[in-house]
Amino acid sequence: MYFFRFIHFIFFKAFCILRERRREALRAKKALSLLEDQIGGKLDEATRKKIVVSHSIYNPMIVDSFSTIHGRISNADERERLILYFICSSLLDNFFDRNELSREAIEAISFDTENYRAATFDERLFAHCHLTLLNTVYNKSRYLAVARAELDAQFESLQQFDAGISCEELIRIMEKKGGNAVLLCRFYLDLPWNEDEAACWYLTGEIIQLTNDLFDIHKDLNDGVYTAANKCLSADEMSDFVLAKIESLKSKLSQLPISKRKTRRLNLSLAGIYAFPLIAVENLKRLEVKYDGLHFKKMSRKDLIIDMEKPRNIFRWFMYAYRFGKI
């Protein structure tokens, strides 16, 4: 019974995601063009692409998955806010990664936006989008607290260039950065607030950030960035850590004040997200045997890059989604 329900749901969900990705990509491109005309300037192509891709993936995979427990998917106004959010988050990444702004300037543009004197188009665009979002969220004080925590996590992530950083600190930064980034999206929905649901959004963000770290081991090593993924000494320990995160989220989903049917559907929707870090862990286990330990510096790009277009990885994705989609 579960097998047929799983197959039907996964193929239907995949169809919806592909359809919505195209629609949301077009929506994001149109919104960006309008904002560029309005504010006077142009985003660089890499940032524009990042915004479009992030929005077109997050909206159908995460936002609409959670929205369905309220009996609907996200509406046009909510999607417009989410585009503004991904503009802000992408530009903030640029301010950090490209050293475009000092810490003081980043603090000012984030929390004293109205008085901040923007010098570039990117700064003006960030300020416009940030203020627009701030004026639309219904719980401004809580929203600012989460935004503050996310910015703090960004500053703390600068410690990840230090080879002496502990795994415990890397895990704390990963959880804080990923959890708050996804939780911010919840504030852009016109839906009643629920603390248990907020905890689920946060845990989903943790898993997504951990997945990014596991998939980006080669890139991060080349960039001199240390993460919980490339500092781990045992594939089995990482496997246990990932499984604990998944079970923690599934437990939180079970506590939501919704019907069992909605809980099952939400968990099935998120099962595809659970599968990705497990595929990466399986690759780590293979490499651990091949290199007699997780000696990442000895490993090639081919070893560490996980190609999700390969049939074997698609098969593994289905198997893990099937296994953990049941609740």
C-alpha atoms as a PDB file:
ATOM      1  CA  MET A   1       0.000   0.000   0.000  1.00  0.00           C
ATOM      2  CA  TYR A   2       2.771   2.458   1.006  1.00  0.00           C
ATOM      3  CA  PHE A   3       4.797   1.562  -2.096  1.00  0.00           C
ATOM      4  CA  PHE A   4       2.017   2.564  -4.494  1.00  0.00           C
ATOM      5  CA  ARG A   5       1.213   5.694  -2.488  1.00  0.00           C
ATOM      6  CA  PHE A   6       4.914   6.644  -2.534  1.00  0.00           C
ATOM      7  CA  ILE A   7       5.330   6.112  -6.298  1.00  0.00           C
ATOM      8  CA  HIS A   8       2.170   8.074  -7.091  1.00  0.00           C
ATOM      9  CA  PHE A   9       3.125  10.934  -4.778  1.00  0.00           C
ATOM     10  CA  ILE A  10       6.774  11.166  -5.892  1.00  0.00           C
ATOM     11  CA  PHE A  11       5.950  11.301  -9.591  1.00  0.00           C
ATOM     12  CA  PHE A  12       3.153  13.806  -9.000  1.00  0.00           C
ATOM     13  CA  LYS A  13       5.447  15.912  -6.805  1.00  0.00           C
ATOM     14  CA  ALA A  14       8.245  15.763  -9.381  1.00  0.00           C
ATOM     15  CA  PHE A  15       5.850  16.931 -12.105  1.00  0.00           C
ATOM     16  CA  CYS A  16       4.646  19.819  -9.927  1.00  0.00           C
ATOM     17  CA  ILE A  17       8.210  20.846  -9.017  1.00  0.00           C
ATOM     18  CA  LEU A  18       9.350  20.868 -12.644  1.00  0.00           C
ATOM     19  CA  ARG A  19       6.296  22.863 -13.696  1.00  0.00           C
ATOM     20  CA  GLU A  20       6.600  25.336 -10.828  1.00  0.00           C
ATOM     21  CA  ARG A  21      10.354  25.744 -11.281  1.00  0.00           C
ATOM     22  CA  ARG A  22       9.802  27.028 -14.805  1.00  0.00           C
ATOM     23  CA  ARG A  23       7.015  29.358 -13.701  1.00  0.00           C
ATOM     24  CA  GLU A  24       8.915  30.699 -10.694  1.00  0.00           C
ATOM     25  CA  ALA A  25      12.106  31.169 -12.689  1.00  0.00           C
ATOM     26  CA  LEU A  26      10.171  33.368 -15.115  1.00  0.00           C
ATOM     27  CA  ARG A  27       8.517  35.219 -12.212  1.00  0.00           C
ATOM     28  CA  ALA A  28      11.918  35.888 -10.613  1.00  0.00           C
ATOM     29  CA  LYS A  29      13.483  37.086 -13.884  1.00  0.00           C
ATOM     30  CA  LYS A  30      10.593  39.468 -14.480  1.00  0.00           C
ATOM     31  CA  ALA A  31      10.751  40.810 -10.917  1.00  0.00           C
ATOM     32  CA  LEU A  32      14.510  41.359 -11.178  1.00  0.00           C
ATOM     33  CA  SER A  33      14.170  43.245 -14.449  1.00  0.00           C
ATOM     34  CA  LEU A  34      11.490  45.508 -12.969  1.00  0.00           C
ATOM     35  CA  LEU A  35      13.627  46.236  -9.920  1.00  0.00           C
ATOM     36  CA  GLU A  36      16.679  46.966 -12.053  1.00  0.00           C
ATOM     37  CA  ASP A  37      14.655  49.487 -14.072  1.00  0.00           C
ATOM     38  CA  GLN A  38      13.127  50.982 -10.929  1.00  0.00           C
ATOM     39  CA  ILE A  39      16.373  51.391  -8.973  1.00  0.00           C
ATOM     40  CA  GLY A  40      18.657  52.017 -11.911  1.00  0.00           C
ATOM     41  CA  GLY A  41      21.352  49.418 -12.398  1.00  0.00           C
ATOM     42  CA  LYS A  42      22.168  45.818 -13.272  1.00  0.00           C
ATOM     43  CA  LEU A  43      22.944  42.730 -11.242  1.00  0.00           C
ATOM     44  CA  ASP A  44      25.939  40.693 -12.339  1.00  0.00           C
ATOM     45  CA  GLU A  45      24.938  37.517 -14.157  1.00  0.00           C
ATOM     46  CA  ALA A  46      26.162  35.108 -11.447  1.00  0.00           C
ATOM     47  CA  THR A  47      24.080  36.814  -8.739  1.00  0.00           C
ATOM     48  CA  ARG A  48      21.018  37.034 -10.980  1.00  0.00           C
ATOM     49  CA  LYS A  49      21.279  33.309 -11.755  1.00  0.00           C
ATOM     50  CA  LYS A  50      21.705  32.442  -8.066  1.00  0.00           C
ATOM     51  CA  ILE A  51      18.547  34.375  -7.135  1.00  0.00           C
ATOM     52  CA  VAL A  52      16.473  32.794  -9.901  1.00  0.00           C
ATOM     53  CA  VAL A  53      17.665  29.257  -9.169  1.00  0.00           C
ATOM     54  CA  SER A  54      17.276  29.583  -5.382  1.00  0.00           C
ATOM     55  CA  HIS A  55      13.740  30.934  -5.615  1.00  0.00           C
ATOM     56  CA  SER A  56      12.591  28.450  -8.260  1.00  0.00           C
ATOM     57  CA  ILE A  57      13.844  25.516  -6.148  1.00  0.00           C
ATOM     58  CA  TYR A  58      12.882  26.659  -2.654  1.00  0.00           C
ATOM     59  CA  ASN A  59       9.351  27.698  -3.488  1.00  0.00           C
ATOM     60  CA  PRO A  60       8.004  24.355  -4.783  1.00  0.00           C
ATOM     61  CA  MET A  61      10.234  22.080  -2.696  1.00  0.00           C
ATOM     62  CA  ILE A  62      10.038  23.713   0.734  1.00  0.00           C
ATOM     63  CA  VAL A  63       7.615  26.627   0.900  1.00  0.00           C
ATOM     64  CA  ASP A  64       4.740  24.899  -0.895  1.00  0.00           C
ATOM     65  CA  SER A  65       5.398  21.639   0.963  1.00  0.00           C
ATOM     66  CA  PHE A  66       4.777  23.399   4.262  1.00  0.00           C
ATOM     67  CA  SER A  67       1.975  25.587   2.870  1.00  0.00           C
ATOM     68  CA  THR A  68      -0.067  22.518   1.933  1.00  0.00           C
ATOM     69  CA  ILE A  69      -0.609  21.639   5.597  1.00  0.00           C
ATOM     70  CA  HIS A  70      -2.680  24.848   5.668  1.00  0.00           C
ATOM     71  CA  GLY A  71      -4.714  23.647   2.707  1.00  0.00           C
ATOM     72  CA  ARG A  72      -3.105  25.744  -0.008  1.00  0.00           C
ATOM     73  CA  ILE A  73       0.137  26.635  -1.752  1.00  0.00           C
ATOM     74  CA  SER A  74       1.871  30.013  -1.651  1.00  0.00           C
ATOM     75  CA  ASN A  75       0.085  32.900  -3.340  1.00  0.00           C
ATOM     76  CA  ALA A  76       1.450  35.549  -5.718  1.00  0.00           C
ATOM     77  CA  ASP A  77       2.185  38.115  -2.977  1.00  0.00           C
ATOM     78  CA  GLU A  78       4.066  35.564  -0.901  1.00  0.00           C
ATOM     79  CA  ARG A  79       6.132  34.480  -3.899  1.00  0.00           C
ATOM     80  CA  GLU A  80       7.054  38.083  -4.636  1.00  0.00           C
ATOM     81  CA  ARG A  81       8.281  38.447  -1.043  1.00  0.00           C
ATOM     82  CA  LEU A  82      10.336  35.274  -1.379  1.00  0.00           C
ATOM     83  CA  ILE A  83      12.034  36.697  -4.462  1.00  0.00           C
ATOM     84  CA  LEU A  84      12.944  39.796  -2.436  1.00  0.00           C
ATOM     85  CA  TYR A  85      14.329  37.517   0.272  1.00  0.00           C
ATOM     86  CA  PHE A  86      16.597  35.678  -2.164  1.00  0.00           C
ATOM     87  CA  ILE A  87      17.777  39.003  -3.539  1.00  0.00           C
ATOM     88  CA  CYS A  88      18.731  40.063  -0.007  1.00  0.00           C
ATOM     89  CA  SER A  89      20.379  36.762   0.903  1.00  0.00           C
ATOM     90  CA  SER A  90      22.347  36.579  -2.363  1.00  0.00           C
ATOM     91  CA  LEU A  91      23.560  40.168  -2.092  1.00  0.00           C
ATOM     92  CA  LEU A  92      24.475  39.641   1.553  1.00  0.00           C
ATOM     93  CA  ASP A  93      26.580  36.645   0.513  1.00  0.00           C
ATOM     94  CA  ASN A  94      28.342  38.915  -1.986  1.00  0.00           C
ATOM     95  CA  PHE A  95      28.998  41.553   0.665  1.00  0.00           C
ATOM     96  CA  PHE A  96      30.739  38.851   2.733  1.00  0.00           C
ATOM     97  CA  ASP A  97      32.362  36.624   0.107  1.00  0.00           C
ATOM     98  CA  ARG A  98      33.675  39.429  -2.103  1.00  0.00           C
ATOM     99  CA  ASN A  99      34.639  41.678   0.829  1.00  0.00           C
ATOM    100  CA  GLU A 100      32.469  44.409  -0.677  1.00  0.00           C
ATOM    101  CA  LEU A 101      31.426  45.864   2.684  1.00  0.00           C
ATOM    102  CA  SER A 102      32.990  46.081   6.127  1.00  0.00           C
ATOM    103  CA  ARG A 103      31.342  44.457   9.133  1.00  0.00           C
ATOM    104  CA  GLU A 104      30.159  47.868  10.301  1.00  0.00           C
ATOM    105  CA  ALA A 105      28.595  48.617   6.910  1.00  0.00           C
ATOM    106  CA  ILE A 106      26.858  45.229   6.795  1.00  0.00           C
ATOM    107  CA  GLU A 107      25.460  45.855  10.281  1.00  0.00           C
ATOM    108  CA  ALA A 108      24.247  49.294   9.257  1.00  0.00           C
ATOM    109  CA  ILE A 109      22.605  48.288   5.985  1.00  0.00           C
ATOM    110  CA  SER A 110      20.878  45.389   7.765  1.00  0.00           C
ATOM    111  CA  PHE A 111      19.630  47.081  10.919  1.00  0.00           C
ATOM    112  CA  ASP A 112      19.772  50.813  10.268  1.00  0.00           C
ATOM    113  CA  THR A 113      18.656  50.601   6.665  1.00  0.00           C
ATOM    114  CA  GLU A 114      16.689  53.832   6.477  1.00  0.00           C
ATOM    115  CA  ASN A 115      19.731  55.882   7.520  1.00  0.00           C
ATOM    116  CA  TYR A 116      22.261  53.920   5.491  1.00  0.00           C
ATOM    117  CA  ARG A 117      23.815  55.799   2.560  1.00  0.00           C
ATOM    118  CA  ALA A 118      24.002  53.246  -0.238  1.00  0.00           C
ATOM    119  CA  ALA A 119      26.934  53.824  -2.580  1.00  0.00           C
ATOM    120  CA  THR A 120      26.329  51.104  -5.188  1.00  0.00           C
ATOM    121  CA  PHE A 121      23.413  49.640  -7.078  1.00  0.00           C
ATOM    122  CA  ASP A 122      23.676  46.386  -5.098  1.00  0.00           C
ATOM    123  CA  GLU A 123      23.473  48.289  -1.829  1.00  0.00           C
ATOM    124  CA  ARG A 124      20.460  50.286  -3.026  1.00  0.00           C
ATOM    125  CA  LEU A 125      18.752  47.098  -4.191  1.00  0.00           C
ATOM    126  CA  PHE A 126      19.419  45.327  -0.900  1.00  0.00           C
ATOM    127  CA  ALA A 127      18.113  48.270   1.111  1.00  0.00           C
ATOM    128  CA  HIS A 128      14.960  48.528  -1.020  1.00  0.00           C
ATOM    129  CA  CYS A 129      14.153  44.806  -0.784  1.00  0.00           C
ATOM    130  CA  HIS A 130      14.992  44.584   2.916  1.00  0.00           C
ATOM    131  CA  LEU A 131      12.780  47.538   3.833  1.00  0.00           C
ATOM    132  CA  THR A 132       9.932  46.237   1.681  1.00  0.00           C
ATOM    133  CA  LEU A 133      10.042  42.892   3.496  1.00  0.00           C
ATOM    134  CA  LEU A 134      10.348  44.541   6.887  1.00  0.00           C
ATOM    135  CA  ASN A 135       7.183  46.542   6.212  1.00  0.00           C
ATOM    136  CA  THR A 136       5.170  43.459   5.213  1.00  0.00           C
ATOM    137  CA  VAL A 137       5.998  40.895   7.921  1.00  0.00           C
ATOM    138  CA  TYR A 138       3.403  40.628  10.660  1.00  0.00           C
ATOM    139  CA  ASN A 139       5.768  39.801  13.554  1.00  0.00           C
ATOM    140  CA  LYS A 140       8.488  42.397  13.050  1.00  0.00           C
ATOM    141  CA  SER A 141      10.303  41.954  16.376  1.00  0.00           C
ATOM    142  CA  ARG A 142      10.538  38.163  15.995  1.00  0.00           C
ATOM    143  CA  TYR A 143      11.552  38.539  12.353  1.00  0.00           C
ATOM    144  CA  LEU A 144      14.362  40.924  13.255  1.00  0.00           C
ATOM    145  CA  ALA A 145      15.544  38.521  15.978  1.00  0.00           C
ATOM    146  CA  VAL A 146      15.832  35.694  13.434  1.00  0.00           C
ATOM    147  CA  ALA A 147      17.511  38.030  10.919  1.00  0.00           C
ATOM    148  CA  ARG A 148      19.950  39.071  13.668  1.00  0.00           C
ATOM    149  CA  ALA A 149      20.752  35.429  14.427  1.00  0.00           C
ATOM    150  CA  GLU A 150      21.299  34.692  10.738  1.00  0.00           C
ATOM    151  CA  LEU A 151      23.647  37.664  10.328  1.00  0.00           C
ATOM    152  CA  ASP A 152      25.557  36.613  13.453  1.00  0.00           C
ATOM    153  CA  ALA A 153      25.940  33.143  11.929  1.00  0.00           C
ATOM    154  CA  GLN A 154      27.352  34.743   8.776  1.00  0.00           C
ATOM    155  CA  PHE A 155      29.931  36.619  10.842  1.00  0.00           C
ATOM    156  CA  GLU A 156      30.733  33.487  12.840  1.00  0.00           C
ATOM    157  CA  SER A 157      31.229  31.528   9.619  1.00  0.00           C
ATOM    158  CA  LEU A 158      34.380  33.615   9.000  1.00  0.00           C
ATOM    159  CA  GLN A 159      35.957  31.376  11.662  1.00  0.00           C
ATOM    160  CA  GLN A 160      35.689  28.520   9.173  1.00  0.00           C
ATOM    161  CA  PHE A 161      38.963  29.637   7.568  1.00  0.00           C
ATOM    162  CA  ASP A 162      40.750  28.648  10.800  1.00  0.00           C
ATOM    163  CA  ALA A 163      42.140  25.097  10.630  1.00  0.00           C
ATOM    164  CA  GLY A 164      41.987  24.881  14.412  1.00  0.00           C
ATOM    165  CA  ILE A 165      38.212  25.318  14.640  1.00  0.00           C
ATOM    166  CA  SER A 166      36.499  22.441  16.430  1.00  0.00           C
ATOM    167  CA  CYS A 167      33.899  20.148  14.891  1.00  0.00           C
ATOM    168  CA  GLU A 168      31.474  21.199  17.629  1.00  0.00           C
ATOM    169  CA  GLU A 169      31.805  24.851  16.621  1.00  0.00           C
ATOM    170  CA  LEU A 170      31.414  23.993  12.943  1.00  0.00           C
ATOM    171  CA  ILE A 171      28.224  22.083  13.690  1.00  0.00           C
ATOM    172  CA  ARG A 172      26.865  24.985  15.750  1.00  0.00           C
ATOM    173  CA  ILE A 173      27.559  27.467  12.935  1.00  0.00           C
ATOM    174  CA  MET A 174      26.067  25.107  10.336  1.00  0.00           C
ATOM    175  CA  GLU A 175      22.875  24.651  12.343  1.00  0.00           C
ATOM    176  CA  LYS A 176      22.476  28.348  13.102  1.00  0.00           C
ATOM    177  CA  LYS A 177      23.222  29.496   9.557  1.00  0.00           C
ATOM    178  CA  GLY A 178      21.034  26.933   7.800  1.00  0.00           C
ATOM    179  CA  GLY A 179      18.202  26.926  10.322  1.00  0.00           C
ATOM    180  CA  ASN A 180      17.665  30.670  10.462  1.00  0.00           C
ATOM    181  CA  ALA A 181      18.039  31.109   6.681  1.00  0.00           C
ATOM    182  CA  VAL A 182      15.100  28.789   6.015  1.00  0.00           C
ATOM    183  CA  LEU A 183      13.067  29.985   9.009  1.00  0.00           C
ATOM    184  CA  LEU A 184      13.136  33.535   7.614  1.00  0.00           C
ATOM    185  CA  CYS A 185      11.088  32.281   4.645  1.00  0.00           C
ATOM    186  CA  ARG A 186       8.238  31.379   6.995  1.00  0.00           C
ATOM    187  CA  PHE A 187       7.686  35.043   7.875  1.00  0.00           C
ATOM    188  CA  TYR A 188       6.740  35.895   4.287  1.00  0.00           C
ATOM    189  CA  LEU A 189       3.653  33.681   4.324  1.00  0.00           C
ATOM    190  CA  ASP A 190       0.211  35.001   5.299  1.00  0.00           C
ATOM    191  CA  LEU A 191      -0.381  32.065   7.648  1.00  0.00           C
ATOM    192  CA  PRO A 192      -0.884  31.779  11.417  1.00  0.00           C
ATOM    193  CA  TRP A 193       2.322  31.276  13.384  1.00  0.00           C
ATOM    194  CA  ASN A 194       2.992  27.985  15.147  1.00  0.00           C
ATOM    195  CA  GLU A 195       6.138  27.302  17.176  1.00  0.00           C
ATOM    196  CA  ASP A 196       6.197  23.573  16.385  1.00  0.00           C
ATOM    197  CA  GLU A 197       5.964  24.331  12.684  1.00  0.00           C
ATOM    198  CA  ALA A 198       8.724  26.952  13.014  1.00  0.00           C
ATOM    199  CA  ALA A 199      10.938  24.270  14.589  1.00  0.00           C
ATOM    200  CA  CYS A 200      10.323  22.068  11.535  1.00  0.00           C
ATOM    201  CA  TRP A 201      11.348  24.854   9.170  1.00  0.00           C
ATOM    202  CA  TYR A 202      14.505  25.381  11.249  1.00  0.00           C
ATOM    203  CA  LEU A 203      15.448  21.691  11.226  1.00  0.00           C
ATOM    204  CA  THR A 204      14.826  21.553   7.477  1.00  0.00           C
ATOM    205  CA  GLY A 205      17.305  24.413   7.098  1.00  0.00           C
ATOM    206  CA  GLU A 206      19.890  22.528   9.157  1.00  0.00           C
ATOM    207  CA  ILE A 207      19.591  19.490   6.882  1.00  0.00           C
ATOM    208  CA  ILE A 208      19.849  21.630   3.746  1.00  0.00           C
ATOM    209  CA  GLN A 209      22.987  23.408   5.009  1.00  0.00           C
ATOM    210  CA  LEU A 210      24.552  20.083   5.995  1.00  0.00           C
ATOM    211  CA  THR A 211      23.710  18.742   2.529  1.00  0.00           C
ATOM    212  CA  ASN A 212      25.384  21.750   0.895  1.00  0.00           C
ATOM    213  CA  ASP A 213      28.506  21.153   2.995  1.00  0.00           C
ATOM    214  CA  LEU A 214      28.596  17.463   2.079  1.00  0.00           C
ATOM    215  CA  PHE A 215      28.183  18.185  -1.632  1.00  0.00           C
ATOM    216  CA  ASP A 216      30.726  21.053  -1.569  1.00  0.00           C
ATOM    217  CA  ILE A 217      33.629  19.260   0.145  1.00  0.00           C
ATOM    218  CA  HIS A 218      35.939  19.644  -2.860  1.00  0.00           C
ATOM    219  CA  LYS A 219      35.098  23.320  -3.405  1.00  0.00           C
ATOM    220  CA  ASP A 220      35.386  24.213   0.285  1.00  0.00           C
ATOM    221  CA  LEU A 221      38.759  22.477   0.609  1.00  0.00           C
ATOM    222  CA  ASN A 222      40.084  24.421  -2.390  1.00  0.00           C
ATOM    223  CA  ASP A 223      38.772  27.656  -0.863  1.00  0.00           C
ATOM    224  CA  GLY A 224      40.333  26.880   2.518  1.00  0.00           C
ATOM    225  CA  VAL A 225      36.939  26.635   4.213  1.00  0.00           C
ATOM    226  CA  TYR A 226      36.443  24.092   7.000  1.00  0.00           C
ATOM    227  CA  THR A 227      33.002  22.550   7.538  1.00  0.00           C
ATOM    228  CA  ALA A 228      31.489  19.767   9.591  1.00  0.00           C
ATOM    229  CA  ALA A 229      31.597  17.709   6.390  1.00  0.00           C
ATOM    230  CA  ASN A 230      35.283  18.068   5.481  1.00  0.00           C
ATOM    231  CA  LYS A 231      36.463  17.924   9.096  1.00  0.00           C
ATOM    232  CA  CYS A 232      34.710  14.674   9.951  1.00  0.00           C
ATOM    233  CA  LEU A 233      36.968  11.720  10.688  1.00  0.00           C
ATOM    234  CA  SER A 234      34.461   8.907  10.270  1.00  0.00           C
ATOM    235  CA  ALA A 235      31.800   8.271   7.651  1.00  0.00           C
ATOM    236  CA  ASP A 236      29.825   6.243  10.202  1.00  0.00           C
ATOM    237  CA  GLU A 237      29.789   9.200  12.602  1.00  0.00           C
ATOM    238  CA  MET A 238      28.562  11.484   9.841  1.00  0.00           C
ATOM    239  CA  SER A 239      25.919   8.899   8.919  1.00  0.00           C
ATOM    240  CA  ASP A 240      24.704   8.793  12.524  1.00  0.00           C
ATOM    241  CA  PHE A 241      24.625  12.590  12.626  1.00  0.00           C
ATOM    242  CA  VAL A 242      22.572  12.868   9.421  1.00  0.00           C
ATOM    243  CA  LEU A 243      20.163  10.129  10.525  1.00  0.00           C
ATOM    244  CA  ALA A 244      19.677  11.856  13.885  1.00  0.00           C
ATOM    245  CA  LYS A 245      18.780  15.116  12.113  1.00  0.00           C
ATOM    246  CA  ILE A 246      16.250  13.330   9.914  1.00  0.00           C
ATOM    247  CA  GLU A 247      14.646  11.495  12.824  1.00  0.00           C
ATOM    248  CA  SER A 248      14.520  14.716  14.842  1.00  0.00           C
ATOM    249  CA  LEU A 249      12.637  16.455  12.027  1.00  0.00           C
ATOM    250  CA  LYS A 250      10.274  13.511  11.541  1.00  0.00           C
ATOM    251  CA  SER A 251       9.556  13.538  15.271  1.00  0.00           C
ATOM    252  CA  LYS A 252       8.769  17.272  15.143  1.00  0.00           C
ATOM    253  CA  LEU A 253       6.481  16.731  12.151  1.00  0.00           C
ATOM    254  CA  SER A 254       4.540  14.170  14.175  1.00  0.00           C
ATOM    255  CA  GLN A 255       3.910  16.808  16.852  1.00  0.00           C
ATOM    256  CA  LEU A 256       2.279  19.295  14.486  1.00  0.00           C
ATOM    257  CA  PRO A 257      -1.406  20.001  15.204  1.00  0.00           C
ATOM    258  CA  ILE A 258      -2.528  18.577  11.848  1.00  0.00           C
ATOM    259  CA  SER A 259      -4.109  15.371  10.618  1.00  0.00           C
ATOM    260  CA  LYS A 260      -2.045  12.212  10.137  1.00  0.00           C
ATOM    261  CA  ARG A 261      -2.730  12.400   6.420  1.00  0.00           C
ATOM    262  CA  LYS A 262      -1.221  15.903   6.186  1.00  0.00           C
ATOM    263  CA  THR A 263       1.738  14.795   8.296  1.00  0.00           C
ATOM    264  CA  ARG A 264       2.384  11.874   5.959  1.00  0.00           C
ATOM    265  CA  ARG A 265       2.185  14.087   2.885  1.00  0.00           C
ATOM    266  CA  LEU A 266       4.520  16.697   4.370  1.00  0.00           C
ATOM    267  CA  ASN A 267       7.053  14.048   5.352  1.00  0.00           C
ATOM    268  CA  LEU A 268       6.865  12.534   1.875  1.00  0.00           C
ATOM    269  CA  SER A 269       7.481  15.977   0.400  1.00  0.00           C
ATOM    270  CA  LEU A 270      10.570  16.417   2.588  1.00  0.00           C
ATOM    271  CA  ALA A 271      11.836  12.858   2.034  1.00  0.00           C
ATOM    272  CA  GLY A 272      13.496  13.975  -1.189  1.00  0.00           C
ATOM    273  CA  ILE A 273      15.543  16.445   0.884  1.00  0.00           C
ATOM    274  CA  TYR A 274      16.489  13.711   3.375  1.00  0.00           C
ATOM    275  CA  ALA A 275      17.882  11.576   0.549  1.00  0.00           C
ATOM    276  CA  PHE A 276      20.605  13.969  -0.629  1.00  0.00           C
ATOM    277  CA  PRO A 277      22.889  13.959   2.463  1.00  0.00           C
ATOM    278  CA  LEU A 278      22.493  10.178   2.719  1.00  0.00           C
ATOM    279  CA  ILE A 279      23.781   9.779  -0.841  1.00  0.00           C
ATOM    280  CA  ALA A 280      26.774  11.955   0.084  1.00  0.00           C
ATOM    281  CA  VAL A 281      27.434   9.867   3.209  1.00  0.00           C
ATOM    282  CA  GLU A 282      27.321   6.682   1.153  1.00  0.00           C
ATOM    283  CA  ASN A 283      30.000   8.197  -1.068  1.00  0.00           C
ATOM    284  CA  LEU A 284      32.096   9.025   2.009  1.00  0.00           C
ATOM    285  CA  LYS A 285      31.884   5.412   3.168  1.00  0.00           C
ATOM    286  CA  ARG A 286      33.173   4.231  -0.217  1.00  0.00           C
ATOM    287  CA  LEU A 287      36.031   6.744  -0.162  1.00  0.00           C
ATOM    288  CA  GLU A 288      36.924   5.837   3.425  1.00  0.00           C
ATOM    289  CA  VAL A 289      37.561   2.262   2.310  1.00  0.00           C
ATOM    290  CA  LYS A 290      39.397   3.302  -0.859  1.00  0.00           C
ATOM    291  CA  TYR A 291      41.780   5.677   0.947  1.00  0.00           C
ATOM    292  CA  ASP A 292      41.929   3.823   4.283  1.00  0.00           C
ATOM    293  CA  GLY A 293      40.351   6.795   6.038  1.00  0.00           C
ATOM    294  CA  LEU A 294      38.825  10.151   5.188  1.00  0.00           C
ATOM    295  CA  HIS A 295      42.018  11.738   3.869  1.00  0.00           C
ATOM    296  CA  PHE A 296      40.285  14.420   1.839  1.00  0.00           C
ATOM    297  CA  LYS A 297      43.459  16.061   0.542  1.00  0.00           C
ATOM    298  CA  LYS A 298      44.370  12.828  -1.224  1.00  0.00           C
ATOM    299  CA  MET A 299      40.993  12.656  -2.953  1.00  0.00           C
ATOM    300  CA  SER A 300      40.349  13.961  -6.436  1.00  0.00           C
ATOM    301  CA  ARG A 301      37.521  16.162  -7.643  1.00  0.00           C
ATOM    302  CA  LYS A 302      36.041  13.091  -9.340  1.00  0.00           C
ATOM    303  CA  ASP A 303      35.990  11.280  -5.987  1.00  0.00           C
ATOM    304  CA  LEU A 304      34.176  14.054  -4.163  1.00  0.00           C
ATOM    305  CA  ILE A 305      31.788  15.499  -6.752  1.00  0.00           C
ATOM    306  CA  ILE A 306      28.373  13.816  -6.621  1.00  0.00           C
ATOM    307  CA  ASP A 307      26.652  13.818  -9.992  1.00  0.00           C
ATOM    308  CA  MET A 308      22.907  13.545  -9.409  1.00  0.00           C
ATOM    309  CA  GLU A 309      22.317  12.870 -13.100  1.00  0.00           C
ATOM    310  CA  LYS A 310      23.977   9.465 -12.840  1.00  0.00           C
ATOM    311  CA  PRO A 311      21.446   6.590 -12.834  1.00  0.00           C
ATOM    312  CA  ARG A 312      22.934   5.013  -9.710  1.00  0.00           C
ATOM    313  CA  ASN A 313      22.533   8.248  -7.730  1.00  0.00           C
ATOM    314  CA  ILE A 314      18.971   8.702  -8.987  1.00  0.00           C
ATOM    315  CA  PHE A 315      18.249   5.136  -7.873  1.00  0.00           C
ATOM    316  CA  ARG A 316      19.793   5.813  -4.456  1.00  0.00           C
ATOM    317  CA  TRP A 317      17.713   8.971  -4.157  1.00  0.00           C
ATOM    318  CA  PHE A 318      14.528   6.943  -4.740  1.00  0.00           C
ATOM    319  CA  MET A 319      15.582   4.275  -2.249  1.00  0.00           C
ATOM    320  CA  TYR A 320      16.382   6.733   0.531  1.00  0.00           C
ATOM    321  CA  ALA A 321      13.293   8.841  -0.157  1.00  0.00           C
ATOM    322  CA  TYR A 322      11.195   5.673  -0.033  1.00  0.00           C
ATOM    323  CA  ARG A 323      12.799   4.500   3.205  1.00  0.00           C
ATOM    324  CA  PHE A 324      12.438   7.771   5.091  1.00  0.00           C
ATOM    325  CA  GLY A 325       9.209   8.936   3.481  1.00  0.00           C
ATOM    326  CA  LYS A 326       7.279   6.657   5.792  1.00  0.00           C
ATOM    327  CA  ILE A 327       6.136   8.100   9.111  1.00  0.00           C
END
